[in-house]
Amino acid sequence: MRAYMAIPNFDFRDTGLFGAGHFRYDPDKDLYVCPADKHLYRHAQTSGNRGTRYRATAQGCNACTLKKQCTDLEKGRTIYRRPDEDYYERVRGYRGSFPYEKALRKRQV
């Protein structure tokens, strides 16, 4: 039997800026694509292998028409990807499915 860990859902945060959910990860190219179709490339590994940092170019972000909705930094937008992000994405993909909604209803009892 396989043990599953509980994966929290942090998509509820509203900072007024685009969240990580607005960005699309391309596993073949190992990059993120922002809402303006610009690329965020792998920039650095965080200490202790807690994730990977992806960053857009400062020139690309500063010239973008969506910058005020995305970031207020002059360096450009940064996204962090955890090593287990594939599992988080799989759980997010369950939302809206019949078994997922049924399980939520059972939990409300």
C-alpha atoms as a PDB file:
ATOM      1  CA  MET A   1       0.000   0.000   0.000  1.00  0.00           C
ATOM      2  CA  ARG A   2       1.270   3.429  -0.922  1.00  0.00           C
ATOM      3  CA  ALA A   3       1.424   6.188   1.681  1.00  0.00           C
ATOM      4  CA  TYR A   4       0.417   9.650   0.522  1.00  0.00           C
ATOM      5  CA  MET A   5       1.403  12.800   2.292  1.00  0.00           C
ATOM      6  CA  ALA A   6      -0.971  15.691   2.678  1.00  0.00           C
ATOM      7  CA  ILE A   7      -0.109  18.417   0.206  1.00  0.00           C
ATOM      8  CA  PRO A   8      -1.252  21.885   1.226  1.00  0.00           C
ATOM      9  CA  ASN A   9      -2.875  24.179  -1.300  1.00  0.00           C
ATOM     10  CA  PHE A  10      -1.443  27.697  -1.145  1.00  0.00           C
ATOM     11  CA  ASP A  11      -3.218  29.101  -4.197  1.00  0.00           C
ATOM     12  CA  PHE A  12      -5.539  31.159  -1.987  1.00  0.00           C
ATOM     13  CA  ARG A  13      -3.010  33.939  -1.326  1.00  0.00           C
ATOM     14  CA  ASP A  14      -3.979  37.222  -2.947  1.00  0.00           C
ATOM     15  CA  THR A  15      -1.113  39.683  -3.058  1.00  0.00           C
ATOM     16  CA  GLY A  16      -2.518  41.719  -5.934  1.00  0.00           C
ATOM     17  CA  LEU A  17       0.201  40.341  -8.213  1.00  0.00           C
ATOM     18  CA  PHE A  18       0.247  37.322 -10.477  1.00  0.00           C
ATOM     19  CA  GLY A  19       0.860  34.199  -8.427  1.00  0.00           C
ATOM     20  CA  ALA A  20       2.887  31.178  -9.445  1.00  0.00           C
ATOM     21  CA  GLY A  21      -0.321  29.615 -10.778  1.00  0.00           C
ATOM     22  CA  HIS A  22      -0.419  32.223 -13.529  1.00  0.00           C
ATOM     23  CA  PHE A  23       2.880  30.907 -14.892  1.00  0.00           C
ATOM     24  CA  ARG A  24       3.137  27.724 -16.968  1.00  0.00           C
ATOM     25  CA  TYR A  25       6.035  25.336 -16.472  1.00  0.00           C
ATOM     26  CA  ASP A  26       7.525  23.700 -19.566  1.00  0.00           C
ATOM     27  CA  PRO A  27       9.326  20.532 -18.380  1.00  0.00           C
ATOM     28  CA  ASP A  28      10.892  19.834 -21.797  1.00  0.00           C
ATOM     29  CA  LYS A  29      12.712  23.177 -21.848  1.00  0.00           C
ATOM     30  CA  ASP A  30      12.944  23.511 -18.035  1.00  0.00           C
ATOM     31  CA  LEU A  31      11.541  27.038 -17.947  1.00  0.00           C
ATOM     32  CA  TYR A  32       8.447  28.985 -16.925  1.00  0.00           C
ATOM     33  CA  VAL A  33       6.308  31.023 -19.297  1.00  0.00           C
ATOM     34  CA  CYS A  34       4.702  34.158 -17.873  1.00  0.00           C
ATOM     35  CA  PRO A  35       1.226  35.517 -18.775  1.00  0.00           C
ATOM     36  CA  ALA A  36       2.901  37.800 -21.350  1.00  0.00           C
ATOM     37  CA  ASP A  37       4.571  34.750 -23.011  1.00  0.00           C
ATOM     38  CA  LYS A  38       8.064  35.706 -21.815  1.00  0.00           C
ATOM     39  CA  HIS A  39      10.409  33.026 -20.474  1.00  0.00           C
ATOM     40  CA  LEU A  40      11.804  32.667 -16.976  1.00  0.00           C
ATOM     41  CA  TYR A  41      14.989  30.597 -17.150  1.00  0.00           C
ATOM     42  CA  ARG A  42      16.670  28.477 -14.486  1.00  0.00           C
ATOM     43  CA  HIS A  43      18.782  30.862 -12.470  1.00  0.00           C
ATOM     44  CA  ALA A  44      20.054  29.058  -9.372  1.00  0.00           C
ATOM     45  CA  GLN A  45      19.541  26.160  -7.006  1.00  0.00           C
ATOM     46  CA  THR A  46      18.517  27.255  -3.511  1.00  0.00           C
ATOM     47  CA  SER A  47      20.591  26.212  -0.538  1.00  0.00           C
ATOM     48  CA  GLY A  48      19.948  22.727   0.765  1.00  0.00           C
ATOM     49  CA  ASN A  49      18.274  21.726  -2.527  1.00  0.00           C
ATOM     50  CA  ARG A  50      14.966  23.194  -1.348  1.00  0.00           C
ATOM     51  CA  GLY A  51      14.099  24.366  -4.821  1.00  0.00           C
ATOM     52  CA  THR A  52      15.177  26.011  -8.029  1.00  0.00           C
ATOM     53  CA  ARG A  53      14.906  29.690  -8.813  1.00  0.00           C
ATOM     54  CA  TYR A  54      13.711  30.795 -12.247  1.00  0.00           C
ATOM     55  CA  ARG A  55      14.134  34.411 -13.298  1.00  0.00           C
ATOM     56  CA  ALA A  56      13.054  36.619 -16.177  1.00  0.00           C
ATOM     57  CA  THR A  57      15.412  39.220 -17.567  1.00  0.00           C
ATOM     58  CA  ALA A  58      15.165  42.692 -16.068  1.00  0.00           C
ATOM     59  CA  GLN A  59      14.918  44.255 -19.532  1.00  0.00           C
ATOM     60  CA  GLY A  60      12.065  41.955 -20.521  1.00  0.00           C
ATOM     61  CA  CYS A  61      10.076  42.628 -17.330  1.00  0.00           C
ATOM     62  CA  ASN A  62      10.648  46.381 -17.284  1.00  0.00           C
ATOM     63  CA  ALA A  63       9.410  46.714 -20.882  1.00  0.00           C
ATOM     64  CA  CYS A  64       6.346  44.492 -20.297  1.00  0.00           C
ATOM     65  CA  THR A  65       2.853  45.985 -20.250  1.00  0.00           C
ATOM     66  CA  LEU A  66       1.801  43.515 -17.507  1.00  0.00           C
ATOM     67  CA  LYS A  67       4.646  44.400 -15.136  1.00  0.00           C
ATOM     68  CA  LYS A  68       2.427  46.257 -12.618  1.00  0.00           C
ATOM     69  CA  GLN A  69       0.312  43.090 -12.276  1.00  0.00           C
ATOM     70  CA  CYS A  70       3.362  40.837 -12.011  1.00  0.00           C
ATOM     71  CA  THR A  71       6.154  42.409  -9.973  1.00  0.00           C
ATOM     72  CA  ASP A  72       7.385  45.666  -8.540  1.00  0.00           C
ATOM     73  CA  LEU A  73      11.050  44.635  -8.597  1.00  0.00           C
ATOM     74  CA  GLU A  74      13.499  46.210 -11.039  1.00  0.00           C
ATOM     75  CA  LYS A  75      15.429  42.911 -11.342  1.00  0.00           C
ATOM     76  CA  GLY A  76      12.497  41.114 -12.961  1.00  0.00           C
ATOM     77  CA  ARG A  77      10.152  38.373 -11.807  1.00  0.00           C
ATOM     78  CA  THR A  78      11.388  35.323  -9.905  1.00  0.00           C
ATOM     79  CA  ILE A  79       9.583  32.002  -9.428  1.00  0.00           C
ATOM     80  CA  TYR A  80      10.676  29.216  -7.091  1.00  0.00           C
ATOM     81  CA  ARG A  81      10.025  25.578  -7.947  1.00  0.00           C
ATOM     82  CA  ARG A  82      10.171  23.006  -5.158  1.00  0.00           C
ATOM     83  CA  PRO A  83      11.709  19.595  -5.898  1.00  0.00           C
ATOM     84  CA  ASP A  84       8.309  17.956  -5.318  1.00  0.00           C
ATOM     85  CA  GLU A  85       6.342  20.457  -7.420  1.00  0.00           C
ATOM     86  CA  ASP A  86       5.255  17.662  -9.793  1.00  0.00           C
ATOM     87  CA  TYR A  87       3.149  16.215  -6.963  1.00  0.00           C
ATOM     88  CA  TYR A  88       1.604  19.608  -6.208  1.00  0.00           C
ATOM     89  CA  GLU A  89       0.677  20.031  -9.868  1.00  0.00           C
ATOM     90  CA  ARG A  90      -0.922  16.581  -9.931  1.00  0.00           C
ATOM     91  CA  VAL A  91      -3.051  17.411  -6.888  1.00  0.00           C
ATOM     92  CA  ARG A  92      -4.088  20.747  -8.418  1.00  0.00           C
ATOM     93  CA  GLY A  93      -5.126  18.812 -11.516  1.00  0.00           C
ATOM     94  CA  TYR A  94      -7.604  16.788  -9.445  1.00  0.00           C
ATOM     95  CA  ARG A  95      -9.641  19.874  -8.596  1.00  0.00           C
ATOM     96  CA  GLY A  96     -13.026  19.883 -10.234  1.00  0.00           C
ATOM     97  CA  SER A  97     -13.032  16.138 -10.915  1.00  0.00           C
ATOM     98  CA  PHE A  98     -15.921  14.070  -9.579  1.00  0.00           C
ATOM     99  CA  PRO A  99     -13.807  11.892  -7.193  1.00  0.00           C
ATOM    100  CA  TYR A 100     -12.089  14.989  -5.786  1.00  0.00           C
ATOM    101  CA  GLU A 101     -15.353  16.832  -5.180  1.00  0.00           C
ATOM    102  CA  LYS A 102     -16.902  13.687  -3.667  1.00  0.00           C
ATOM    103  CA  ALA A 103     -13.968  13.360  -1.253  1.00  0.00           C
ATOM    104  CA  LEU A 104     -14.385  17.010  -0.246  1.00  0.00           C
ATOM    105  CA  ARG A 105     -18.080  16.475   0.449  1.00  0.00           C
ATOM    106  CA  LYS A 106     -17.275  13.436   2.611  1.00  0.00           C
ATOM    107  CA  ARG A 107     -14.796  15.509   4.608  1.00  0.00           C
ATOM    108  CA  GLN A 108     -17.469  18.105   5.389  1.00  0.00           C
ATOM    109  CA  VAL A 109     -19.548  15.560   7.343  1.00  0.00           C
END
